[in-house]
């Protein structure tokens, strides 16, 4: 989920209208799209099917979604490293 509309490479309307958040409440989803993650030696990496939720105050990545999309995720020394599976 991302709140910053400018980080989306592509954005379209979403069939999802709301998402549940930590305290049990719900917030509105305004779109779904593709975001630019990072420029690497092998090119720009993107994540698809990211929800645009303008009423959150932090951009959130789902580790499970990253793994499903073929990324590898490593946590070490207070850092998170995201790599291509290839």
PDB file of N, CA and C in Angstrom:
ATOM      1  N   UNK A   1       0.846  -1.177   0.000  1.00  0.00           N
ATOM      2  CA  UNK A   1       0.000   0.000   0.000  1.00  0.00           C
ATOM      3  C   UNK A   1       0.885   1.232   0.000  1.00  0.00           C
ATOM      4  N   UNK A   2       0.512   2.187  -0.804  1.00  0.00           N
ATOM      5  CA  UNK A   2       1.300   3.411  -0.899  1.00  0.00           C
ATOM      6  C   UNK A   2       0.366   4.612  -0.834  1.00  0.00           C
ATOM      7  N   UNK A   3       0.833   5.667  -0.181  1.00  0.00           N
ATOM      8  CA  UNK A   3       0.039   6.889  -0.091  1.00  0.00           C
ATOM      9  C   UNK A   3       0.488   7.956  -1.085  1.00  0.00           C
ATOM     10  N   UNK A   4       1.691   7.835  -1.613  1.00  0.00           N
ATOM     11  CA  UNK A   4       2.251   8.862  -2.488  1.00  0.00           C
ATOM     12  C   UNK A   4       1.929   8.536  -3.942  1.00  0.00           C
ATOM     13  N   UNK A   5       0.972   9.256  -4.503  1.00  0.00           N
ATOM     14  CA  UNK A   5       0.502   8.991  -5.865  1.00  0.00           C
ATOM     15  C   UNK A   5       1.619   9.155  -6.894  1.00  0.00           C
ATOM     16  N   UNK A   6       2.591  10.012  -6.616  1.00  0.00           N
ATOM     17  CA  UNK A   6       3.680  10.268  -7.563  1.00  0.00           C
ATOM     18  C   UNK A   6       4.627   9.074  -7.706  1.00  0.00           C
ATOM     19  N   UNK A   7       4.595   8.131  -6.772  1.00  0.00           N
ATOM     20  CA  UNK A   7       5.470   6.965  -6.855  1.00  0.00           C
ATOM     21  C   UNK A   7       4.927   5.887  -7.798  1.00  0.00           C
ATOM     22  N   UNK A   8       3.699   6.082  -8.281  1.00  0.00           N
ATOM     23  CA  UNK A   8       3.115   5.108  -9.191  1.00  0.00           C
ATOM     24  C   UNK A   8       3.538   5.382 -10.621  1.00  0.00           C
ATOM     25  N   UNK A   9       4.000   4.345 -11.282  1.00  0.00           N
ATOM     26  CA  UNK A   9       4.338   4.413 -12.701  1.00  0.00           C
ATOM     27  C   UNK A   9       3.047   4.343 -13.514  1.00  0.00           C
ATOM     28  N   UNK A  10       2.101   3.552 -13.022  1.00  0.00           N
ATOM     29  CA  UNK A  10       0.810   3.341 -13.670  1.00  0.00           C
ATOM     30  C   UNK A  10      -0.225   3.194 -12.569  1.00  0.00           C
ATOM     31  N   UNK A  11      -1.401   3.797 -12.721  1.00  0.00           N
ATOM     32  CA  UNK A  11      -2.441   3.729 -11.694  1.00  0.00           C
ATOM     33  C   UNK A  11      -3.808   3.706 -12.355  1.00  0.00           C
ATOM     34  N   UNK A  12      -4.660   2.780 -11.913  1.00  0.00           N
ATOM     35  CA  UNK A  12      -6.029   2.708 -12.432  1.00  0.00           C
ATOM     36  C   UNK A  12      -6.992   2.458 -11.282  1.00  0.00           C
ATOM     37  N   UNK A  13      -8.268   2.593 -11.554  1.00  0.00           N
ATOM     38  CA  UNK A  13      -9.289   2.380 -10.533  1.00  0.00           C
ATOM     39  C   UNK A  13      -9.208   0.966  -9.990  1.00  0.00           C
ATOM     40  N   UNK A  14      -9.587   0.812  -8.723  1.00  0.00           N
ATOM     41  CA  UNK A  14      -9.519  -0.488  -8.069  1.00  0.00           C
ATOM     42  C   UNK A  14     -10.911  -1.025  -7.780  1.00  0.00           C
ATOM     43  N   UNK A  15     -11.071  -2.337  -7.895  1.00  0.00           N
ATOM     44  CA  UNK A  15     -12.316  -2.982  -7.476  1.00  0.00           C
ATOM     45  C   UNK A  15     -12.372  -3.092  -5.956  1.00  0.00           C
ATOM     46  N   UNK A  16     -11.208  -3.037  -5.325  1.00  0.00           N
ATOM     47  CA  UNK A  16     -11.135  -3.086  -3.865  1.00  0.00           C
ATOM     48  C   UNK A  16     -11.499  -1.699  -3.353  1.00  0.00           C
ATOM     49  N   UNK A  17     -12.475  -1.620  -2.454  1.00  0.00           N
ATOM     50  CA  UNK A  17     -12.901  -0.306  -1.993  1.00  0.00           C
ATOM     51  C   UNK A  17     -12.290   0.084  -0.653  1.00  0.00           C
ATOM     52  N   UNK A  18     -11.983  -0.912   0.192  1.00  0.00           N
ATOM     53  CA  UNK A  18     -11.417  -0.623   1.510  1.00  0.00           C
ATOM     54  C   UNK A  18     -10.469  -1.736   1.930  1.00  0.00           C
ATOM     55  N   UNK A  19      -9.524  -1.404   2.818  1.00  0.00           N
ATOM     56  CA  UNK A  19      -8.659  -2.395   3.428  1.00  0.00           C
ATOM     57  C   UNK A  19      -8.747  -2.262   4.939  1.00  0.00           C
ATOM     58  N   UNK A  20      -8.597  -3.388   5.609  1.00  0.00           N
ATOM     59  CA  UNK A  20      -8.626  -3.402   7.067  1.00  0.00           C
ATOM     60  C   UNK A  20      -7.242  -3.069   7.601  1.00  0.00           C
ATOM     61  N   UNK A  21      -7.197  -2.227   8.615  1.00  0.00           N
ATOM     62  CA  UNK A  21      -5.919  -1.851   9.209  1.00  0.00           C
ATOM     63  C   UNK A  21      -5.817  -2.388  10.632  1.00  0.00           C
ATOM     64  N   UNK A  22      -4.640  -2.212  11.238  1.00  0.00           N
ATOM     65  CA  UNK A  22      -4.276  -2.835  12.506  1.00  0.00           C
ATOM     66  C   UNK A  22      -5.277  -2.757  13.632  1.00  0.00           C
ATOM     67  N   UNK A  23      -5.909  -1.635  13.838  1.00  0.00           N
ATOM     68  CA  UNK A  23      -6.821  -1.504  14.979  1.00  0.00           C
ATOM     69  C   UNK A  23      -8.222  -2.000  14.668  1.00  0.00           C
ATOM     70  N   UNK A  24      -8.421  -2.593  13.498  1.00  0.00           N
ATOM     71  CA  UNK A  24      -9.718  -3.156  13.131  1.00  0.00           C
ATOM     72  C   UNK A  24     -10.554  -2.245  12.255  1.00  0.00           C
ATOM     73  N   UNK A  25     -10.127  -1.008  12.062  1.00  0.00           N
ATOM     74  CA  UNK A  25     -10.853  -0.079  11.200  1.00  0.00           C
ATOM     75  C   UNK A  25     -10.565  -0.337   9.737  1.00  0.00           C
ATOM     76  N   UNK A  26     -11.185   0.438   8.886  1.00  0.00           N
ATOM     77  CA  UNK A  26     -11.002   0.315   7.439  1.00  0.00           C
ATOM     78  C   UNK A  26     -10.660   1.679   6.848  1.00  0.00           C
ATOM     79  N   UNK A  27      -9.830   1.666   5.790  1.00  0.00           N
ATOM     80  CA  UNK A  27      -9.528   2.891   5.057  1.00  0.00           C
ATOM     81  C   UNK A  27      -9.743   2.644   3.570  1.00  0.00           C
ATOM     82  N   UNK A  28     -10.054   3.717   2.855  1.00  0.00           N
ATOM     83  CA  UNK A  28     -10.431   3.622   1.446  1.00  0.00           C
ATOM     84  C   UNK A  28      -9.237   3.409   0.527  1.00  0.00           C
ATOM     85  N   UNK A  29      -9.456   2.560  -0.469  1.00  0.00           N
ATOM     86  CA  UNK A  29      -8.499   2.326  -1.548  1.00  0.00           C
ATOM     87  C   UNK A  29      -8.974   3.154  -2.733  1.00  0.00           C
ATOM     88  N   UNK A  30      -8.073   3.940  -3.317  1.00  0.00           N
ATOM     89  CA  UNK A  30      -8.439   4.811  -4.432  1.00  0.00           C
ATOM     90  C   UNK A  30      -7.918   4.324  -5.776  1.00  0.00           C
ATOM     91  N   UNK A  31      -7.105   3.266  -5.784  1.00  0.00           N
ATOM     92  CA  UNK A  31      -6.607   2.742  -7.049  1.00  0.00           C
ATOM     93  C   UNK A  31      -5.651   1.590  -6.841  1.00  0.00           C
ATOM     94  N   UNK A  32      -5.209   1.021  -7.954  1.00  0.00           N
ATOM     95  CA  UNK A  32      -4.232  -0.068  -7.940  1.00  0.00           C
ATOM     96  C   UNK A  32      -3.308   0.154  -9.132  1.00  0.00           C
ATOM     97  N   UNK A  33      -2.021  -0.144  -8.926  1.00  0.00           N
ATOM     98  CA  UNK A  33      -1.108   0.115 -10.027  1.00  0.00           C
ATOM     99  C   UNK A  33       0.260  -0.487  -9.843  1.00  0.00           C
ATOM    100  N   UNK A  34       1.210   0.047 -10.601  1.00  0.00           N
ATOM    101  CA  UNK A  34       2.596  -0.396 -10.601  1.00  0.00           C
ATOM    102  C   UNK A  34       3.458   0.738 -10.063  1.00  0.00           C
ATOM    103  N   UNK A  35       4.351   0.402  -9.142  1.00  0.00           N
ATOM    104  CA  UNK A  35       5.244   1.417  -8.585  1.00  0.00           C
ATOM    105  C   UNK A  35       6.683   1.126  -8.971  1.00  0.00           C
ATOM    106  N   UNK A  36       7.468   2.165  -9.086  1.00  0.00           N
ATOM    107  CA  UNK A  36       8.897   2.019  -9.325  1.00  0.00           C
ATOM    108  C   UNK A  36       9.565   1.784  -7.983  1.00  0.00           C
ATOM    109  N   UNK A  37      10.304   0.703  -7.860  1.00  0.00           N
ATOM    110  CA  UNK A  37      10.944   0.371  -6.595  1.00  0.00           C
ATOM    111  C   UNK A  37      12.335   0.971  -6.518  1.00  0.00           C
ATOM    112  N   UNK A  38      13.211   0.552  -7.421  1.00  0.00           N
ATOM    113  CA  UNK A  38      14.595   1.013  -7.347  1.00  0.00           C
ATOM    114  C   UNK A  38      15.302   0.774  -8.678  1.00  0.00           C
ATOM    115  N   UNK A  39      16.216   1.647  -8.995  1.00  0.00           N
ATOM    116  CA  UNK A  39      17.060   1.431 -10.171  1.00  0.00           C
ATOM    117  C   UNK A  39      18.234   0.555  -9.756  1.00  0.00           C
ATOM    118  N   UNK A  40      18.519  -0.505 -10.527  1.00  0.00           N
ATOM    119  CA  UNK A  40      19.607  -1.432 -10.215  1.00  0.00           C
ATOM    120  C   UNK A  40      20.533  -1.552 -11.417  1.00  0.00           C
ATOM    121  N   UNK A  41      21.583  -2.338 -11.262  1.00  0.00           N
ATOM    122  CA  UNK A  41      22.525  -2.570 -12.357  1.00  0.00           C
ATOM    123  C   UNK A  41      21.844  -3.237 -13.553  1.00  0.00           C
ATOM    124  N   UNK A  42      20.816  -4.042 -13.273  1.00  0.00           N
ATOM    125  CA  UNK A  42      20.143  -4.749 -14.364  1.00  0.00           C
ATOM    126  C   UNK A  42      18.862  -4.055 -14.816  1.00  0.00           C
ATOM    127  N   UNK A  43      18.601  -2.843 -14.334  1.00  0.00           N
ATOM    128  CA  UNK A  43      17.426  -2.099 -14.773  1.00  0.00           C
ATOM    129  C   UNK A  43      16.525  -1.700 -13.618  1.00  0.00           C
ATOM    130  N   UNK A  44      15.446  -1.024 -13.934  1.00  0.00           N
ATOM    131  CA  UNK A  44      14.498  -0.570 -12.920  1.00  0.00           C
ATOM    132  C   UNK A  44      13.587  -1.715 -12.505  1.00  0.00           C
ATOM    133  N   UNK A  45      13.445  -1.923 -11.222  1.00  0.00           N
ATOM    134  CA  UNK A  45      12.599  -2.984 -10.689  1.00  0.00           C
ATOM    135  C   UNK A  45      11.258  -2.397 -10.256  1.00  0.00           C
ATOM    136  N   UNK A  46      10.195  -3.091 -10.563  1.00  0.00           N
ATOM    137  CA  UNK A  46       8.857  -2.618 -10.215  1.00  0.00           C
ATOM    138  C   UNK A  46       8.083  -3.677  -9.448  1.00  0.00           C
ATOM    139  N   UNK A  47       7.065  -3.226  -8.750  1.00  0.00           N
ATOM    140  CA  UNK A  47       6.128  -4.122  -8.079  1.00  0.00           C
ATOM    141  C   UNK A  47       4.749  -3.806  -8.635  1.00  0.00           C
ATOM    142  N   UNK A  48       4.034  -4.830  -9.067  1.00  0.00           N
ATOM    143  CA  UNK A  48       2.701  -4.646  -9.625  1.00  0.00           C
ATOM    144  C   UNK A  48       1.641  -4.893  -8.560  1.00  0.00           C
ATOM    145  N   UNK A  49       0.419  -4.490  -8.865  1.00  0.00           N
ATOM    146  CA  UNK A  49      -0.750  -4.707  -8.004  1.00  0.00           C
ATOM    147  C   UNK A  49      -0.592  -4.051  -6.629  1.00  0.00           C
ATOM    148  N   UNK A  50      -0.044  -2.851  -6.614  1.00  0.00           N
ATOM    149  CA  UNK A  50       0.128  -2.093  -5.376  1.00  0.00           C
ATOM    150  C   UNK A  50      -1.099  -1.212  -5.189  1.00  0.00           C
ATOM    151  N   UNK A  51      -1.650  -1.220  -3.984  1.00  0.00           N
ATOM    152  CA  UNK A  51      -2.840  -0.420  -3.701  1.00  0.00           C
ATOM    153  C   UNK A  51      -2.464   1.031  -3.414  1.00  0.00           C
ATOM    154  N   UNK A  52      -3.249   1.947  -3.965  1.00  0.00           N
ATOM    155  CA  UNK A  52      -3.095   3.374  -3.665  1.00  0.00           C
ATOM    156  C   UNK A  52      -4.083   3.716  -2.553  1.00  0.00           C
ATOM    157  N   UNK A  53      -3.542   4.024  -1.371  1.00  0.00           N
ATOM    158  CA  UNK A  53      -4.347   4.314  -0.181  1.00  0.00           C
ATOM    159  C   UNK A  53      -3.857   5.663   0.369  1.00  0.00           C
ATOM    160  N   UNK A  54      -4.465   6.768  -0.072  1.00  0.00           N
ATOM    161  CA  UNK A  54      -3.960   8.089   0.296  1.00  0.00           C
ATOM    162  C   UNK A  54      -4.068   8.428   1.782  1.00  0.00           C
ATOM    163  N   UNK A  55      -4.899   7.717   2.535  1.00  0.00           N
ATOM    164  CA  UNK A  55      -5.093   8.057   3.943  1.00  0.00           C
ATOM    165  C   UNK A  55      -4.206   7.289   4.913  1.00  0.00           C
ATOM    166  N   UNK A  56      -3.147   6.625   4.420  1.00  0.00           N
ATOM    167  CA  UNK A  56      -2.158   6.050   5.327  1.00  0.00           C
ATOM    168  C   UNK A  56      -0.975   7.012   5.365  1.00  0.00           C
ATOM    169  N   UNK A  57      -0.195   6.949   6.432  1.00  0.00           N
ATOM    170  CA  UNK A  57       0.906   7.912   6.541  1.00  0.00           C
ATOM    171  C   UNK A  57       2.275   7.304   6.253  1.00  0.00           C
ATOM    172  N   UNK A  58       2.323   6.026   5.887  1.00  0.00           N
ATOM    173  CA  UNK A  58       3.571   5.342   5.527  1.00  0.00           C
ATOM    174  C   UNK A  58       3.298   4.451   4.327  1.00  0.00           C
ATOM    175  N   UNK A  59       4.298   4.291   3.474  1.00  0.00           N
ATOM    176  CA  UNK A  59       4.204   3.302   2.408  1.00  0.00           C
ATOM    177  C   UNK A  59       4.534   1.946   2.994  1.00  0.00           C
ATOM    178  N   UNK A  60       3.712   0.937   2.699  1.00  0.00           N
ATOM    179  CA  UNK A  60       3.877  -0.393   3.278  1.00  0.00           C
ATOM    180  C   UNK A  60       4.083  -1.433   2.190  1.00  0.00           C
ATOM    181  N   UNK A  61       5.060  -2.303   2.384  1.00  0.00           N
ATOM    182  CA  UNK A  61       5.286  -3.425   1.476  1.00  0.00           C
ATOM    183  C   UNK A  61       4.889  -4.711   2.175  1.00  0.00           C
ATOM    184  N   UNK A  62       4.280  -5.612   1.445  1.00  0.00           N
ATOM    185  CA  UNK A  62       3.937  -6.925   1.956  1.00  0.00           C
ATOM    186  C   UNK A  62       5.051  -7.902   1.597  1.00  0.00           C
ATOM    187  N   UNK A  63       5.706  -8.459   2.604  1.00  0.00           N
ATOM    188  CA  UNK A  63       6.766  -9.440   2.350  1.00  0.00           C
ATOM    189  C   UNK A  63       6.188 -10.633   1.591  1.00  0.00           C
ATOM    190  N   UNK A  64       5.011 -11.086   1.987  1.00  0.00           N
ATOM    191  CA  UNK A  64       4.370 -12.206   1.302  1.00  0.00           C
ATOM    192  C   UNK A  64       4.121 -11.918  -0.172  1.00  0.00           C
ATOM    193  N   UNK A  65       3.668 -10.698  -0.483  1.00  0.00           N
ATOM    194  CA  UNK A  65       3.424 -10.327  -1.875  1.00  0.00           C
ATOM    195  C   UNK A  65       4.733 -10.267  -2.660  1.00  0.00           C
ATOM    196  N   UNK A  66       5.789  -9.746  -2.046  1.00  0.00           N
ATOM    197  CA  UNK A  66       7.085  -9.715  -2.722  1.00  0.00           C
ATOM    198  C   UNK A  66       7.571 -11.118  -3.047  1.00  0.00           C
ATOM    199  N   UNK A  67       7.428 -12.050  -2.100  1.00  0.00           N
ATOM    200  CA  UNK A  67       7.846 -13.437  -2.330  1.00  0.00           C
ATOM    201  C   UNK A  67       7.034 -14.075  -3.453  1.00  0.00           C
ATOM    202  N   UNK A  68       5.721 -13.813  -3.482  1.00  0.00           N
ATOM    203  CA  UNK A  68       4.867 -14.360  -4.542  1.00  0.00           C
ATOM    204  C   UNK A  68       5.275 -13.837  -5.918  1.00  0.00           C
ATOM    205  N   UNK A  69       5.812 -12.646  -5.968  1.00  0.00           N
ATOM    206  CA  UNK A  69       6.185 -12.028  -7.238  1.00  0.00           C
ATOM    207  C   UNK A  69       7.620 -12.352  -7.653  1.00  0.00           C
ATOM    208  N   UNK A  70       8.283 -13.250  -6.900  1.00  0.00           N
ATOM    209  CA  UNK A  70       9.598 -13.720  -7.306  1.00  0.00           C
ATOM    210  C   UNK A  70      10.779 -12.979  -6.709  1.00  0.00           C
ATOM    211  N   UNK A  71      10.533 -12.096  -5.756  1.00  0.00           N
ATOM    212  CA  UNK A  71      11.641 -11.418  -5.084  1.00  0.00           C
ATOM    213  C   UNK A  71      12.127 -12.267  -3.912  1.00  0.00           C
ATOM    214  N   UNK A  72      13.353 -12.038  -3.485  1.00  0.00           N
ATOM    215  CA  UNK A  72      13.884 -12.623  -2.261  1.00  0.00           C
ATOM    216  C   UNK A  72      14.016 -11.496  -1.249  1.00  0.00           C
ATOM    217  N   UNK A  73      13.674 -11.765   0.000  1.00  0.00           N
ATOM    218  CA  UNK A  73      13.694 -10.736   1.040  1.00  0.00           C
ATOM    219  C   UNK A  73      14.572 -11.213   2.186  1.00  0.00           C
ATOM    220  N   UNK A  74      15.547 -10.383   2.572  1.00  0.00           N
ATOM    221  CA  UNK A  74      16.480 -10.713   3.643  1.00  0.00           C
ATOM    222  C   UNK A  74      16.430  -9.626   4.709  1.00  0.00           C
ATOM    223  N   UNK A  75      16.411 -10.043   5.976  1.00  0.00           N
ATOM    224  CA  UNK A  75      16.471  -9.106   7.091  1.00  0.00           C
ATOM    225  C   UNK A  75      17.743  -9.376   7.875  1.00  0.00           C
ATOM    226  N   UNK A  76      18.557  -8.322   8.060  1.00  0.00           N
ATOM    227  CA  UNK A  76      19.811  -8.481   8.782  1.00  0.00           C
ATOM    228  C   UNK A  76      20.289  -7.124   9.284  1.00  0.00           C
ATOM    229  N   UNK A  77      20.739  -7.073  10.530  1.00  0.00           N
ATOM    230  CA  UNK A  77      21.319  -5.856  11.111  1.00  0.00           C
ATOM    231  C   UNK A  77      20.439  -4.621  10.902  1.00  0.00           C
ATOM    232  N   UNK A  78      19.167  -4.744  11.222  1.00  0.00           N
ATOM    233  CA  UNK A  78      18.209  -3.635  11.105  1.00  0.00           C
ATOM    234  C   UNK A  78      18.021  -3.126   9.675  1.00  0.00           C
ATOM    235  N   UNK A  79      18.281  -3.969   8.678  1.00  0.00           N
ATOM    236  CA  UNK A  79      18.096  -3.613   7.279  1.00  0.00           C
ATOM    237  C   UNK A  79      17.262  -4.684   6.585  1.00  0.00           C
ATOM    238  N   UNK A  80      16.593  -4.279   5.535  1.00  0.00           N
ATOM    239  CA  UNK A  80      15.856  -5.210   4.697  1.00  0.00           C
ATOM    240  C   UNK A  80      16.421  -5.092   3.289  1.00  0.00           C
ATOM    241  N   UNK A  81      16.819  -6.229   2.716  1.00  0.00           N
ATOM    242  CA  UNK A  81      17.374  -6.287   1.372  1.00  0.00           C
ATOM    243  C   UNK A  81      16.394  -7.055   0.500  1.00  0.00           C
ATOM    244  N   UNK A  82      16.006  -6.448  -0.614  1.00  0.00           N
ATOM    245  CA  UNK A  82      15.076  -7.082  -1.557  1.00  0.00           C
ATOM    246  C   UNK A  82      15.842  -7.352  -2.845  1.00  0.00           C
ATOM    247  N   UNK A  83      15.838  -8.624  -3.282  1.00  0.00           N
ATOM    248  CA  UNK A  83      16.568  -9.019  -4.486  1.00  0.00           C
ATOM    249  C   UNK A  83      15.647  -9.767  -5.434  1.00  0.00           C
ATOM    250  N   UNK A  84      16.034  -9.762  -6.727  1.00  0.00           N
ATOM    251  CA  UNK A  84      15.358 -10.629  -7.695  1.00  0.00           C
ATOM    252  C   UNK A  84      15.659 -12.071  -7.341  1.00  0.00           C
ATOM    253  N   UNK A  85      14.732 -12.970  -7.630  1.00  0.00           N
ATOM    254  CA  UNK A  85      14.949 -14.385  -7.372  1.00  0.00           C
ATOM    255  C   UNK A  85      15.948 -14.979  -8.358  1.00  0.00           C
ATOM    256  N   UNK A  86      16.150 -14.339  -9.503  1.00  0.00           N
ATOM    257  CA  UNK A  86      17.055 -14.880 -10.522  1.00  0.00           C
ATOM    258  C   UNK A  86      18.476 -14.452 -10.274  1.00  0.00           C
TER     259      UNK A  86
END
